């Protein structure tokens, strides 16, 4: 399946639009991971733990979006947008949310 941020498919003719599809992933964080990531942020460097979690959430959201498009009969998703949010939940906790959305289409050519 073609997945693109553009609103067209170069060299392809879009023959059907199925509407907006989306996928979401919400990952919990814990106090220890937050604590060590905070230390890394203070002394510099990158937080590998958060980077891996964010990458995993993005892949999950994209996969769900593609599955939703496929279920409609689409063979591409155009105009893809990925949003990232953090949700704080009191002391020592939080959630990371990634949402991917786009337009499911069928193309020929």
N, C-alpha and C. Protein backbone atom coordinates (compact mmCIF):
# COMPACT_ATOMS: atom_id res chain seq x y z
N UNK A 1 0.85 -1.18 0.00
CA UNK A 1 0.00 0.00 0.00
C UNK A 1 0.89 1.23 0.00
N UNK A 2 0.55 2.19 -0.84
CA UNK A 2 1.28 3.45 -0.88
C UNK A 2 0.73 4.35 0.25
N UNK A 3 1.63 4.94 1.02
CA UNK A 3 1.27 5.87 2.08
C UNK A 3 2.11 7.12 1.86
N UNK A 4 1.44 8.25 1.69
CA UNK A 4 2.16 9.48 1.38
C UNK A 4 1.53 10.71 2.03
N UNK A 5 2.36 11.71 2.27
CA UNK A 5 1.85 12.97 2.83
C UNK A 5 1.29 13.87 1.75
N UNK A 6 1.54 13.56 0.49
CA UNK A 6 1.04 14.39 -0.60
C UNK A 6 -0.43 14.10 -0.87
N UNK A 7 -1.09 15.01 -1.58
CA UNK A 7 -2.52 14.84 -1.86
C UNK A 7 -2.77 14.18 -3.21
N UNK A 8 -1.70 13.84 -3.92
CA UNK A 8 -1.82 13.16 -5.21
C UNK A 8 -0.79 12.03 -5.25
N UNK A 9 -0.96 11.17 -6.23
CA UNK A 9 0.00 10.10 -6.48
C UNK A 9 0.57 10.31 -7.87
N UNK A 10 1.80 10.70 -7.93
CA UNK A 10 2.46 11.01 -9.20
C UNK A 10 2.39 9.81 -10.15
N UNK A 11 1.85 10.03 -11.34
CA UNK A 11 1.76 8.99 -12.35
C UNK A 11 0.63 8.00 -12.13
N UNK A 12 -0.19 8.23 -11.13
CA UNK A 12 -1.32 7.34 -10.84
C UNK A 12 -2.62 8.14 -10.93
N UNK A 13 -3.69 7.46 -11.30
CA UNK A 13 -5.00 8.11 -11.37
C UNK A 13 -5.85 7.59 -10.22
N UNK A 14 -6.29 8.50 -9.36
CA UNK A 14 -7.15 8.12 -8.24
C UNK A 14 -8.56 7.92 -8.77
N UNK A 15 -9.10 6.71 -8.54
CA UNK A 15 -10.42 6.37 -9.09
C UNK A 15 -11.51 6.30 -8.03
N UNK A 16 -11.12 6.25 -6.75
CA UNK A 16 -12.12 6.22 -5.69
C UNK A 16 -11.54 6.81 -4.41
N UNK A 17 -12.38 7.56 -3.73
CA UNK A 17 -12.04 8.12 -2.42
C UNK A 17 -12.93 7.46 -1.39
N UNK A 18 -12.34 6.90 -0.34
CA UNK A 18 -13.10 6.18 0.68
C UNK A 18 -13.27 6.98 1.97
N UNK A 19 -12.62 8.11 2.07
CA UNK A 19 -12.77 8.94 3.26
C UNK A 19 -11.56 8.86 4.18
N UNK A 20 -11.69 9.54 5.30
CA UNK A 20 -10.60 9.65 6.27
C UNK A 20 -10.47 8.35 7.05
N UNK A 21 -9.22 7.91 7.19
CA UNK A 21 -8.90 6.76 8.04
C UNK A 21 -7.88 7.22 9.07
N UNK A 22 -7.86 6.54 10.20
CA UNK A 22 -6.90 6.95 11.23
C UNK A 22 -6.45 5.75 12.05
N UNK A 23 -5.39 5.97 12.77
CA UNK A 23 -4.88 4.99 13.71
C UNK A 23 -4.30 5.75 14.88
N UNK A 24 -4.45 5.20 16.06
CA UNK A 24 -3.96 5.87 17.25
C UNK A 24 -3.18 4.87 18.10
N UNK A 25 -2.20 5.39 18.81
CA UNK A 25 -1.45 4.58 19.77
C UNK A 25 -1.19 5.43 20.99
N UNK A 26 -1.49 4.88 22.14
CA UNK A 26 -1.23 5.58 23.39
C UNK A 26 -0.34 4.67 24.24
N UNK A 27 0.80 5.19 24.61
CA UNK A 27 1.75 4.42 25.41
C UNK A 27 1.92 5.08 26.76
N UNK A 28 1.86 4.29 27.80
CA UNK A 28 2.08 4.80 29.15
C UNK A 28 3.57 4.93 29.43
N UNK A 29 3.90 5.90 30.23
CA UNK A 29 5.28 6.04 30.69
C UNK A 29 5.26 5.78 32.19
N UNK A 30 6.39 5.44 32.73
CA UNK A 30 6.41 5.21 34.17
C UNK A 30 7.40 6.13 34.86
N UNK A 31 7.33 6.19 36.16
CA UNK A 31 8.12 7.15 36.92
C UNK A 31 9.63 6.94 36.76
N UNK A 32 10.08 5.69 36.68
CA UNK A 32 11.52 5.45 36.55
C UNK A 32 12.04 5.87 35.19
N UNK A 33 11.29 5.54 34.14
CA UNK A 33 11.72 5.95 32.81
C UNK A 33 11.71 7.47 32.72
N UNK A 34 10.68 8.12 33.27
CA UNK A 34 10.61 9.59 33.28
C UNK A 34 11.80 10.18 34.02
N UNK A 35 12.13 9.59 35.16
CA UNK A 35 13.22 10.10 35.98
C UNK A 35 14.55 10.05 35.22
N UNK A 36 14.85 8.90 34.63
CA UNK A 36 16.13 8.76 33.92
C UNK A 36 16.16 9.57 32.64
N UNK A 37 15.03 9.70 31.98
CA UNK A 37 14.97 10.55 30.79
C UNK A 37 15.20 12.00 31.18
N UNK A 38 14.65 12.41 32.34
CA UNK A 38 14.86 13.77 32.83
C UNK A 38 16.31 14.04 33.13
N UNK A 39 16.99 13.08 33.73
CA UNK A 39 18.43 13.25 34.00
C UNK A 39 19.19 13.39 32.70
N UNK A 40 18.87 12.57 31.73
CA UNK A 40 19.55 12.66 30.44
C UNK A 40 19.33 14.04 29.81
N UNK A 41 18.11 14.56 29.96
CA UNK A 41 17.81 15.88 29.41
C UNK A 41 18.62 16.97 30.11
N UNK A 42 18.84 16.83 31.42
CA UNK A 42 19.59 17.83 32.17
C UNK A 42 21.06 17.83 31.78
N UNK A 43 21.66 16.64 31.67
CA UNK A 43 23.08 16.55 31.37
C UNK A 43 23.36 16.49 29.87
N UNK A 44 22.34 16.47 29.07
CA UNK A 44 22.52 16.42 27.63
C UNK A 44 22.36 15.01 27.12
N UNK A 45 22.32 14.90 25.83
CA UNK A 45 22.17 13.58 25.23
C UNK A 45 20.72 13.32 24.85
N UNK A 46 20.54 12.15 24.28
CA UNK A 46 19.22 11.77 23.80
C UNK A 46 18.65 10.68 24.68
N UNK A 47 17.35 10.67 24.79
CA UNK A 47 16.66 9.65 25.57
C UNK A 47 16.26 8.51 24.65
N UNK A 48 17.11 7.48 24.59
CA UNK A 48 16.85 6.33 23.74
C UNK A 48 15.55 5.63 24.08
N UNK A 49 15.21 5.59 25.36
CA UNK A 49 13.98 4.93 25.79
C UNK A 49 12.77 5.63 25.20
N UNK A 50 12.72 6.96 25.31
CA UNK A 50 11.60 7.70 24.76
C UNK A 50 11.58 7.61 23.24
N UNK A 51 12.75 7.67 22.62
CA UNK A 51 12.80 7.59 21.16
C UNK A 51 12.24 6.26 20.67
N UNK A 52 12.60 5.17 21.32
CA UNK A 52 12.07 3.85 20.95
C UNK A 52 10.56 3.79 21.16
N UNK A 53 10.09 4.31 22.29
CA UNK A 53 8.65 4.30 22.57
C UNK A 53 7.89 5.12 21.55
N UNK A 54 8.41 6.27 21.20
CA UNK A 54 7.76 7.13 20.23
C UNK A 54 7.73 6.48 18.85
N UNK A 55 8.83 5.86 18.46
CA UNK A 55 8.90 5.16 17.18
C UNK A 55 7.89 4.01 17.14
N UNK A 56 7.80 3.26 18.24
CA UNK A 56 6.84 2.15 18.33
C UNK A 56 5.41 2.67 18.22
N UNK A 57 5.10 3.76 18.89
CA UNK A 57 3.76 4.34 18.83
C UNK A 57 3.43 4.81 17.42
N UNK A 58 4.39 5.42 16.75
CA UNK A 58 4.17 5.90 15.37
C UNK A 58 3.91 4.71 14.45
N UNK A 59 4.70 3.66 14.57
CA UNK A 59 4.51 2.48 13.73
C UNK A 59 3.15 1.83 13.98
N UNK A 60 2.72 1.78 15.23
CA UNK A 60 1.41 1.21 15.56
C UNK A 60 0.29 2.05 14.95
N UNK A 61 0.37 3.37 15.11
CA UNK A 61 -0.66 4.26 14.56
C UNK A 61 -0.72 4.15 13.03
N UNK A 62 0.43 4.10 12.39
CA UNK A 62 0.47 3.98 10.92
C UNK A 62 -0.12 2.63 10.48
N UNK A 63 0.24 1.56 11.18
CA UNK A 63 -0.26 0.23 10.83
C UNK A 63 -1.78 0.18 10.96
N UNK A 64 -2.32 0.74 12.04
CA UNK A 64 -3.78 0.76 12.22
C UNK A 64 -4.46 1.56 11.12
N UNK A 65 -3.86 2.68 10.71
CA UNK A 65 -4.42 3.50 9.65
C UNK A 65 -4.45 2.73 8.34
N UNK A 66 -3.35 2.05 8.02
CA UNK A 66 -3.27 1.26 6.79
C UNK A 66 -4.27 0.11 6.82
N UNK A 67 -4.42 -0.55 7.97
CA UNK A 67 -5.40 -1.64 8.10
C UNK A 67 -6.82 -1.13 7.87
N UNK A 68 -7.12 0.06 8.40
CA UNK A 68 -8.45 0.64 8.21
C UNK A 68 -8.69 0.95 6.72
N UNK A 69 -7.68 1.46 6.04
CA UNK A 69 -7.80 1.77 4.61
C UNK A 69 -7.99 0.49 3.81
N UNK A 70 -7.21 -0.52 4.13
CA UNK A 70 -7.30 -1.80 3.43
C UNK A 70 -8.69 -2.42 3.59
N UNK A 71 -9.26 -2.31 4.78
CA UNK A 71 -10.59 -2.87 5.05
C UNK A 71 -11.66 -2.20 4.19
N UNK A 72 -11.41 -0.97 3.76
CA UNK A 72 -12.36 -0.25 2.90
C UNK A 72 -12.16 -0.57 1.43
N UNK A 73 -11.08 -1.27 1.09
CA UNK A 73 -10.78 -1.58 -0.30
C UNK A 73 -9.77 -0.63 -0.93
N UNK A 74 -9.17 0.21 -0.15
CA UNK A 74 -8.19 1.17 -0.66
C UNK A 74 -6.84 0.49 -0.92
N UNK A 75 -6.07 1.08 -1.83
CA UNK A 75 -4.71 0.60 -2.04
C UNK A 75 -3.68 1.70 -1.83
N UNK A 76 -4.13 2.83 -1.25
CA UNK A 76 -3.23 3.93 -0.90
C UNK A 76 -3.89 4.82 0.15
N UNK A 77 -3.05 5.53 0.90
CA UNK A 77 -3.53 6.55 1.83
C UNK A 77 -2.75 7.81 1.49
N UNK A 78 -3.47 8.87 1.16
CA UNK A 78 -2.83 10.14 0.80
C UNK A 78 -3.09 11.19 1.87
N UNK A 79 -2.31 12.28 1.81
CA UNK A 79 -2.52 13.39 2.74
C UNK A 79 -2.29 13.00 4.19
N UNK A 80 -1.35 12.10 4.43
CA UNK A 80 -1.13 11.58 5.78
C UNK A 80 -0.56 12.67 6.70
N UNK A 81 -1.11 12.72 7.90
CA UNK A 81 -0.64 13.64 8.94
C UNK A 81 -0.42 12.83 10.21
N UNK A 82 0.69 13.10 10.88
CA UNK A 82 1.00 12.41 12.13
C UNK A 82 1.10 13.45 13.23
N UNK A 83 0.35 13.24 14.30
CA UNK A 83 0.35 14.16 15.44
C UNK A 83 0.87 13.45 16.68
N UNK A 84 1.64 14.18 17.48
CA UNK A 84 2.20 13.67 18.73
C UNK A 84 1.70 14.52 19.88
N UNK A 85 1.30 13.88 20.96
CA UNK A 85 0.84 14.59 22.15
C UNK A 85 1.36 13.88 23.40
N UNK A 86 1.58 14.64 24.44
CA UNK A 86 1.86 14.03 25.75
C UNK A 86 0.73 14.42 26.68
N UNK A 87 0.32 13.49 27.48
CA UNK A 87 -0.77 13.70 28.43
C UNK A 87 -0.22 13.43 29.81
N UNK A 88 -0.21 14.43 30.65
CA UNK A 88 0.29 14.27 32.01
C UNK A 88 -0.82 13.74 32.90
N UNK A 89 -0.45 12.74 33.72
CA UNK A 89 -1.43 12.14 34.63
C UNK A 89 -0.86 12.21 36.04
N UNK A 90 -1.10 13.31 36.69
CA UNK A 90 -0.67 13.47 38.09
C UNK A 90 0.83 13.33 38.28
N UNK A 91 1.23 13.00 39.48
CA UNK A 91 2.63 12.86 39.85
C UNK A 91 3.21 11.57 39.29
N UNK A 92 4.31 11.68 38.58
CA UNK A 92 5.06 10.51 38.18
C UNK A 92 4.47 9.67 37.06
N UNK A 93 3.56 10.21 36.31
CA UNK A 93 2.99 9.39 35.24
C UNK A 93 2.53 10.22 34.08
N UNK A 94 2.33 9.56 32.98
CA UNK A 94 1.86 10.25 31.80
C UNK A 94 1.65 9.27 30.67
N UNK A 95 1.17 9.80 29.59
CA UNK A 95 0.91 9.00 28.40
C UNK A 95 1.48 9.73 27.20
N UNK A 96 1.91 8.96 26.22
CA UNK A 96 2.31 9.52 24.94
C UNK A 96 1.31 9.03 23.91
N UNK A 97 0.79 9.95 23.11
CA UNK A 97 -0.19 9.59 22.10
C UNK A 97 0.31 9.99 20.72
N UNK A 98 0.16 9.08 19.78
CA UNK A 98 0.47 9.35 18.39
C UNK A 98 -0.77 9.02 17.58
N UNK A 99 -1.18 9.94 16.73
CA UNK A 99 -2.34 9.71 15.86
C UNK A 99 -1.90 9.94 14.41
N UNK A 100 -2.26 9.01 13.55
CA UNK A 100 -1.98 9.13 12.12
C UNK A 100 -3.31 9.13 11.39
N UNK A 101 -3.47 10.04 10.44
CA UNK A 101 -4.71 10.08 9.66
C UNK A 101 -4.40 10.46 8.23
N UNK A 102 -5.28 10.06 7.34
CA UNK A 102 -5.13 10.37 5.93
C UNK A 102 -6.40 9.99 5.19
N UNK A 103 -6.38 10.13 3.88
CA UNK A 103 -7.53 9.80 3.05
C UNK A 103 -7.26 8.49 2.33
N UNK A 104 -8.14 7.51 2.53
CA UNK A 104 -8.04 6.22 1.85
C UNK A 104 -8.53 6.37 0.42
N UNK A 105 -7.74 5.89 -0.53
CA UNK A 105 -8.10 5.98 -1.94
C UNK A 105 -7.77 4.68 -2.67
N UNK A 106 -8.36 4.53 -3.86
CA UNK A 106 -7.96 3.47 -4.79
C UNK A 106 -7.43 4.15 -6.03
N UNK A 107 -6.27 3.67 -6.48
CA UNK A 107 -5.67 4.25 -7.69
C UNK A 107 -5.48 3.18 -8.75
N UNK A 108 -5.27 3.65 -9.98
CA UNK A 108 -4.92 2.79 -11.11
C UNK A 108 -3.71 3.40 -11.78
N UNK A 109 -2.96 2.56 -12.46
CA UNK A 109 -1.83 3.07 -13.23
C UNK A 109 -0.48 2.83 -12.66
